[in-house]
N, C-alpha and C. Protein backbone atom coordinates (compact mmCIF):
# COMPACT_ATOMS: atom_id res chain seq x y z
N MET A 1 94.47 109.65 81.77
CA MET A 1 95.40 108.88 82.55
C MET A 1 96.04 109.80 83.58
N THR A 2 96.10 109.34 84.80
CA THR A 2 96.71 110.13 85.86
C THR A 2 98.19 109.81 85.97
N VAL A 3 98.91 110.66 86.68
CA VAL A 3 100.33 110.41 86.91
C VAL A 3 100.51 109.11 87.68
N GLU A 4 99.60 108.84 88.63
CA GLU A 4 99.69 107.60 89.41
C GLU A 4 99.59 106.37 88.51
N GLU A 5 98.76 106.44 87.48
CA GLU A 5 98.64 105.32 86.55
C GLU A 5 99.91 105.15 85.72
N TRP A 6 100.63 106.24 85.53
CA TRP A 6 101.88 106.20 84.75
C TRP A 6 102.98 105.51 85.51
N ILE A 7 103.02 105.75 86.80
CA ILE A 7 104.16 105.28 87.59
C ILE A 7 103.88 103.86 88.04
N ARG A 8 104.70 102.95 87.59
CA ARG A 8 104.64 101.55 88.00
C ARG A 8 106.04 101.13 88.39
N PRO A 9 106.14 100.14 89.26
CA PRO A 9 107.50 99.67 89.58
C PRO A 9 108.18 99.18 88.30
N ALA A 10 109.42 99.54 88.13
CA ALA A 10 110.15 99.12 86.94
C ALA A 10 110.38 97.61 86.96
N ARG A 11 110.57 97.03 88.13
CA ARG A 11 110.77 95.59 88.26
C ARG A 11 110.00 95.10 89.47
N LYS A 12 109.46 93.90 89.36
CA LYS A 12 108.77 93.28 90.49
C LYS A 12 109.66 92.25 91.16
N LYS A 13 110.85 92.05 90.64
CA LYS A 13 111.79 91.10 91.23
C LYS A 13 113.14 91.77 91.33
N PRO A 14 114.05 91.19 92.10
CA PRO A 14 115.37 91.81 92.24
C PRO A 14 116.08 91.94 90.89
N VAL A 15 116.93 92.92 90.80
CA VAL A 15 117.70 93.14 89.58
C VAL A 15 118.63 91.95 89.37
N PRO A 16 118.57 91.29 88.20
CA PRO A 16 119.44 90.13 87.96
C PRO A 16 120.90 90.53 87.82
N ARG A 17 121.76 89.56 88.01
CA ARG A 17 123.19 89.81 87.83
C ARG A 17 123.49 90.08 86.36
N LYS A 18 124.64 90.68 86.11
CA LYS A 18 125.00 91.09 84.76
C LYS A 18 124.92 89.94 83.77
N LYS A 19 125.40 88.76 84.14
CA LYS A 19 125.38 87.62 83.23
C LYS A 19 123.97 87.30 82.77
N GLU A 20 123.00 87.46 83.66
CA GLU A 20 121.61 87.16 83.33
C GLU A 20 120.95 88.25 82.49
N THR A 21 121.56 89.41 82.41
CA THR A 21 120.93 90.52 81.67
C THR A 21 121.52 90.73 80.29
N GLN A 22 122.45 89.89 79.89
CA GLN A 22 123.04 90.09 78.57
C GLN A 22 121.95 89.99 77.51
N SER A 23 121.92 90.99 76.66
CA SER A 23 120.85 91.14 75.68
C SER A 23 120.97 90.12 74.56
N LYS A 24 119.81 89.64 74.14
CA LYS A 24 119.72 88.80 72.95
C LYS A 24 119.14 89.67 71.84
N SER A 25 119.42 89.34 70.62
CA SER A 25 118.96 90.17 69.51
C SER A 25 117.44 90.23 69.42
N THR A 26 116.73 89.25 70.01
CA THR A 26 115.28 89.25 69.93
C THR A 26 114.63 90.05 71.05
N GLU A 27 115.41 90.50 72.04
CA GLU A 27 114.84 91.26 73.14
C GLU A 27 114.55 92.69 72.71
N ARG A 28 113.55 93.27 73.35
CA ARG A 28 113.21 94.67 73.07
C ARG A 28 114.26 95.59 73.68
N PRO A 29 114.51 96.71 73.05
CA PRO A 29 115.48 97.66 73.62
C PRO A 29 114.86 98.42 74.79
N ASN A 30 115.72 98.91 75.67
CA ASN A 30 115.26 99.83 76.70
C ASN A 30 114.97 101.17 76.04
N VAL A 31 113.97 101.85 76.51
CA VAL A 31 113.62 103.16 75.95
C VAL A 31 113.59 104.17 77.10
N ILE A 32 114.40 105.19 76.97
CA ILE A 32 114.41 106.29 77.93
C ILE A 32 114.23 107.57 77.13
N VAL A 33 113.20 108.32 77.46
CA VAL A 33 112.94 109.59 76.79
C VAL A 33 113.36 110.70 77.75
N ILE A 34 114.24 111.56 77.29
CA ILE A 34 114.69 112.69 78.10
C ILE A 34 114.24 113.97 77.40
N LEU A 35 113.50 114.77 78.12
CA LEU A 35 113.04 116.06 77.59
C LEU A 35 113.47 117.13 78.59
N THR A 36 114.19 118.11 78.11
CA THR A 36 114.65 119.19 78.98
C THR A 36 114.00 120.50 78.56
N ASP A 37 113.71 121.32 79.54
CA ASP A 37 113.14 122.65 79.26
C ASP A 37 114.25 123.61 78.88
N ASP A 38 113.95 124.48 77.96
CA ASP A 38 114.82 125.60 77.61
C ASP A 38 116.23 125.19 77.22
N GLN A 39 116.37 124.04 76.61
CA GLN A 39 117.69 123.61 76.13
C GLN A 39 117.67 123.63 74.61
N GLY A 40 118.55 124.39 74.04
CA GLY A 40 118.65 124.46 72.59
C GLY A 40 119.62 123.43 72.06
N TYR A 41 119.56 123.20 70.77
CA TYR A 41 120.44 122.23 70.11
C TYR A 41 121.91 122.53 70.41
N GLY A 42 122.29 123.77 70.40
CA GLY A 42 123.68 124.15 70.60
C GLY A 42 124.12 124.21 72.05
N ASP A 43 123.29 123.76 72.97
CA ASP A 43 123.64 123.83 74.39
C ASP A 43 124.45 122.63 74.88
N LEU A 44 124.72 121.66 74.03
CA LEU A 44 125.53 120.50 74.40
C LEU A 44 126.91 120.64 73.79
N SER A 45 127.92 120.20 74.52
CA SER A 45 129.27 120.27 73.95
C SER A 45 129.38 119.34 72.73
N ALA A 46 128.59 118.27 72.68
CA ALA A 46 128.61 117.38 71.52
C ALA A 46 128.10 118.07 70.26
N HIS A 47 127.35 119.14 70.43
CA HIS A 47 126.84 119.90 69.28
C HIS A 47 127.67 121.14 69.02
N GLY A 48 128.86 121.19 69.62
CA GLY A 48 129.78 122.26 69.30
C GLY A 48 129.84 123.43 70.27
N ASN A 49 129.14 123.36 71.39
CA ASN A 49 129.20 124.47 72.33
C ASN A 49 130.59 124.53 72.97
N PRO A 50 131.32 125.62 72.79
CA PRO A 50 132.68 125.71 73.32
C PRO A 50 132.75 126.04 74.81
N LEU A 51 131.66 126.48 75.40
CA LEU A 51 131.68 126.91 76.80
C LEU A 51 131.09 125.89 77.76
N LEU A 52 129.98 125.29 77.38
CA LEU A 52 129.31 124.33 78.26
C LEU A 52 129.89 122.95 78.05
N LYS A 53 130.27 122.29 79.13
CA LYS A 53 130.81 120.93 79.06
C LYS A 53 129.74 119.98 79.59
N THR A 54 129.28 119.09 78.73
CA THR A 54 128.22 118.15 79.09
C THR A 54 128.65 116.72 78.78
N PRO A 55 129.70 116.21 79.43
CA PRO A 55 130.24 114.90 79.07
C PRO A 55 129.27 113.74 79.26
N ALA A 56 128.47 113.76 80.31
CA ALA A 56 127.53 112.65 80.52
C ALA A 56 126.46 112.64 79.43
N MET A 57 125.90 113.80 79.11
CA MET A 57 124.91 113.87 78.04
C MET A 57 125.54 113.55 76.69
N ASP A 58 126.77 113.96 76.48
CA ASP A 58 127.47 113.67 75.22
C ASP A 58 127.65 112.16 75.06
N ARG A 59 128.03 111.49 76.14
CA ARG A 59 128.24 110.04 76.10
C ARG A 59 126.91 109.33 75.84
N LEU A 60 125.86 109.75 76.53
CA LEU A 60 124.54 109.17 76.32
C LEU A 60 124.10 109.38 74.87
N ARG A 61 124.36 110.54 74.34
CA ARG A 61 124.01 110.85 72.95
C ARG A 61 124.70 109.89 71.98
N GLU A 62 125.97 109.63 72.22
CA GLU A 62 126.73 108.75 71.32
C GLU A 62 126.24 107.30 71.37
N GLN A 63 125.64 106.89 72.48
CA GLN A 63 125.20 105.51 72.65
C GLN A 63 123.72 105.32 72.33
N SER A 64 123.08 106.34 71.83
CA SER A 64 121.63 106.32 71.70
C SER A 64 121.17 106.59 70.28
N VAL A 65 119.90 106.32 70.07
CA VAL A 65 119.23 106.74 68.84
C VAL A 65 118.83 108.19 69.05
N ARG A 66 119.08 109.01 68.07
CA ARG A 66 118.74 110.43 68.17
C ARG A 66 117.62 110.75 67.19
N LEU A 67 116.57 111.33 67.70
CA LEU A 67 115.46 111.77 66.86
C LEU A 67 115.67 113.25 66.59
N THR A 68 115.95 113.58 65.35
CA THR A 68 116.40 114.93 65.03
C THR A 68 115.35 115.81 64.36
N ASP A 69 114.18 115.29 64.08
CA ASP A 69 113.19 116.07 63.34
C ASP A 69 111.89 116.24 64.12
N PHE A 70 111.99 116.49 65.40
CA PHE A 70 110.82 116.73 66.23
C PHE A 70 110.61 118.23 66.31
N HIS A 71 109.44 118.68 65.95
CA HIS A 71 109.14 120.11 65.95
C HIS A 71 108.29 120.44 67.17
N VAL A 72 108.64 121.49 67.85
CA VAL A 72 108.00 121.81 69.13
C VAL A 72 107.40 123.20 69.13
N ALA A 73 106.66 123.46 70.18
CA ALA A 73 106.11 124.80 70.42
C ALA A 73 107.10 125.56 71.30
N PRO A 74 106.98 126.86 71.37
CA PRO A 74 107.90 127.64 72.20
C PRO A 74 107.55 127.60 73.69
N MET A 75 106.63 126.74 74.10
CA MET A 75 106.24 126.62 75.51
C MET A 75 106.28 125.15 75.91
N CYS A 76 106.44 124.90 77.21
CA CYS A 76 106.63 123.53 77.69
C CYS A 76 105.40 122.65 77.52
N THR A 77 104.21 123.11 77.88
CA THR A 77 103.02 122.25 77.84
C THR A 77 102.71 121.77 76.42
N PRO A 78 102.63 122.63 75.42
CA PRO A 78 102.38 122.13 74.07
C PRO A 78 103.46 121.17 73.58
N THR A 79 104.72 121.45 73.91
CA THR A 79 105.81 120.57 73.50
C THR A 79 105.64 119.18 74.10
N ARG A 80 105.34 119.11 75.39
CA ARG A 80 105.14 117.81 76.05
C ARG A 80 103.95 117.08 75.44
N ALA A 81 102.88 117.81 75.15
CA ALA A 81 101.70 117.19 74.55
C ALA A 81 102.02 116.61 73.18
N GLN A 82 102.79 117.34 72.39
CA GLN A 82 103.18 116.85 71.07
C GLN A 82 104.00 115.57 71.19
N LEU A 83 104.93 115.53 72.13
CA LEU A 83 105.75 114.34 72.32
C LEU A 83 104.90 113.16 72.80
N MET A 84 103.99 113.40 73.74
CA MET A 84 103.20 112.31 74.32
C MET A 84 102.13 111.76 73.38
N THR A 85 101.61 112.60 72.48
CA THR A 85 100.51 112.17 71.62
C THR A 85 100.89 111.96 70.16
N GLY A 86 101.94 112.61 69.71
CA GLY A 86 102.26 112.57 68.29
C GLY A 86 101.40 113.53 67.48
N LEU A 87 100.63 114.35 68.16
CA LEU A 87 99.74 115.31 67.50
C LEU A 87 100.23 116.73 67.72
N ASP A 88 99.87 117.60 66.80
CA ASP A 88 100.12 119.02 67.01
C ASP A 88 99.35 119.46 68.25
N ALA A 89 99.89 120.43 68.97
CA ALA A 89 99.28 120.89 70.21
C ALA A 89 97.83 121.34 70.02
N MET A 90 97.51 121.93 68.89
CA MET A 90 96.14 122.37 68.64
C MET A 90 95.17 121.19 68.62
N ARG A 91 95.63 120.03 68.21
CA ARG A 91 94.77 118.85 68.17
C ARG A 91 94.68 118.14 69.52
N SER A 92 95.70 118.31 70.36
CA SER A 92 95.70 117.62 71.66
C SER A 92 94.97 118.40 72.74
N GLY A 93 94.78 119.69 72.53
CA GLY A 93 94.11 120.53 73.52
C GLY A 93 95.06 121.27 74.44
N ALA A 94 96.33 120.90 74.44
CA ALA A 94 97.32 121.55 75.30
C ALA A 94 98.03 122.63 74.49
N THR A 95 97.45 123.80 74.47
CA THR A 95 97.92 124.85 73.56
C THR A 95 98.72 125.96 74.23
N ALA A 96 98.75 125.99 75.55
CA ALA A 96 99.48 127.04 76.27
C ALA A 96 100.06 126.43 77.54
N VAL A 97 100.82 127.20 78.28
CA VAL A 97 101.37 126.69 79.53
C VAL A 97 100.22 126.31 80.44
N CYS A 98 100.29 125.11 80.99
CA CYS A 98 99.19 124.54 81.78
C CYS A 98 98.89 125.39 83.00
N GLN A 99 97.65 125.85 83.07
CA GLN A 99 97.17 126.59 84.24
C GLN A 99 95.79 126.08 84.62
N GLY A 100 95.55 124.80 84.37
CA GLY A 100 94.25 124.23 84.69
C GLY A 100 93.24 124.36 83.58
N ARG A 101 93.50 125.19 82.58
CA ARG A 101 92.56 125.37 81.48
C ARG A 101 93.06 124.70 80.20
N SER A 102 94.34 124.65 80.02
CA SER A 102 94.92 124.09 78.80
C SER A 102 95.40 122.68 79.12
N MET A 103 94.50 121.73 79.00
CA MET A 103 94.83 120.36 79.36
C MET A 103 94.82 119.47 78.13
N ILE A 104 95.62 118.43 78.20
CA ILE A 104 95.63 117.44 77.13
C ILE A 104 94.28 116.71 77.15
N ARG A 105 93.75 116.41 76.00
CA ARG A 105 92.44 115.75 75.92
C ARG A 105 92.49 114.37 76.55
N ASN A 106 91.46 114.02 77.31
CA ASN A 106 91.40 112.73 78.01
C ASN A 106 91.22 111.54 77.08
N ASP A 107 90.72 111.77 75.88
CA ASP A 107 90.45 110.65 74.97
C ASP A 107 91.67 110.22 74.16
N LEU A 108 92.79 110.88 74.34
CA LEU A 108 93.98 110.56 73.56
C LEU A 108 94.82 109.49 74.23
N LYS A 109 95.34 108.59 73.43
CA LYS A 109 96.27 107.58 73.93
C LYS A 109 97.67 108.20 73.93
N LEU A 110 98.35 108.07 75.06
CA LEU A 110 99.67 108.69 75.22
C LEU A 110 100.78 107.67 75.02
N MET A 111 101.97 108.18 74.77
CA MET A 111 103.13 107.33 74.51
C MET A 111 103.30 106.21 75.54
N PRO A 112 103.19 106.47 76.84
CA PRO A 112 103.38 105.37 77.79
C PRO A 112 102.33 104.29 77.67
N GLN A 113 101.14 104.62 77.21
CA GLN A 113 100.11 103.61 77.01
C GLN A 113 100.48 102.69 75.85
N PHE A 114 101.06 103.24 74.80
CA PHE A 114 101.53 102.41 73.69
C PHE A 114 102.63 101.47 74.16
N PHE A 115 103.56 102.00 74.96
CA PHE A 115 104.63 101.16 75.48
C PHE A 115 104.09 100.09 76.42
N ALA A 116 103.15 100.44 77.30
CA ALA A 116 102.56 99.47 78.22
C ALA A 116 101.84 98.37 77.44
N ASP A 117 101.13 98.73 76.38
CA ASP A 117 100.45 97.74 75.55
C ASP A 117 101.43 96.77 74.91
N ALA A 118 102.66 97.24 74.70
CA ALA A 118 103.70 96.39 74.10
C ALA A 118 104.49 95.61 75.16
N GLY A 119 104.06 95.70 76.42
CA GLY A 119 104.70 94.93 77.47
C GLY A 119 105.78 95.64 78.25
N TYR A 120 105.97 96.91 78.02
CA TYR A 120 106.98 97.68 78.74
C TYR A 120 106.42 98.16 80.09
N ALA A 121 107.29 98.24 81.09
CA ALA A 121 106.96 98.96 82.32
C ALA A 121 107.28 100.42 82.06
N THR A 122 106.43 101.31 82.53
CA THR A 122 106.64 102.73 82.26
C THR A 122 106.73 103.51 83.57
N GLY A 123 107.34 104.66 83.49
CA GLY A 123 107.45 105.54 84.65
C GLY A 123 107.68 106.96 84.21
N LEU A 124 107.37 107.88 85.08
CA LEU A 124 107.54 109.29 84.80
C LEU A 124 108.28 109.93 85.95
N PHE A 125 109.28 110.70 85.63
CA PHE A 125 110.03 111.42 86.65
C PHE A 125 110.16 112.86 86.20
N GLY A 126 109.84 113.78 87.05
CA GLY A 126 109.99 115.18 86.72
C GLY A 126 108.67 115.88 86.48
N LYS A 127 108.72 116.85 85.63
CA LYS A 127 107.61 117.77 85.40
C LYS A 127 106.58 117.16 84.45
N TRP A 128 105.31 117.25 84.79
CA TRP A 128 104.24 116.73 83.94
C TRP A 128 103.65 117.87 83.10
N HIS A 129 103.05 118.84 83.71
CA HIS A 129 102.53 120.05 83.06
C HIS A 129 101.61 119.78 81.88
N LEU A 130 100.78 118.75 81.99
CA LEU A 130 99.81 118.48 80.92
C LEU A 130 98.38 118.47 81.45
N GLY A 131 98.15 119.08 82.58
CA GLY A 131 96.81 119.17 83.13
C GLY A 131 96.49 118.05 84.08
């Protein structure tokens, strides 16, 4: 899957007014995945950092589901591959920082494909680094 295939318009019609967007219990939740490079658990003020003030991230954290048991590699490409595939980096093919040789396997279904199959519009913003 190419980056172009990932990026789709989030809406094909104008954004509805607030009254029209009030959620019903049967509607699917919005899903936003945020992945930051080189950020440790203790780098947010919500996690006790006394020096760094991260009020926007702290507020988002309080309003969100937090996945706390995701294990990563010490490099960006394998970490992204693990998140996108649900597989260990050794199984996905993305085992080192992407330099054209360490690419995610083309036969793997990625997270946005699962969401698209479930009727979600998907998009990618930022760094890809998966080949």
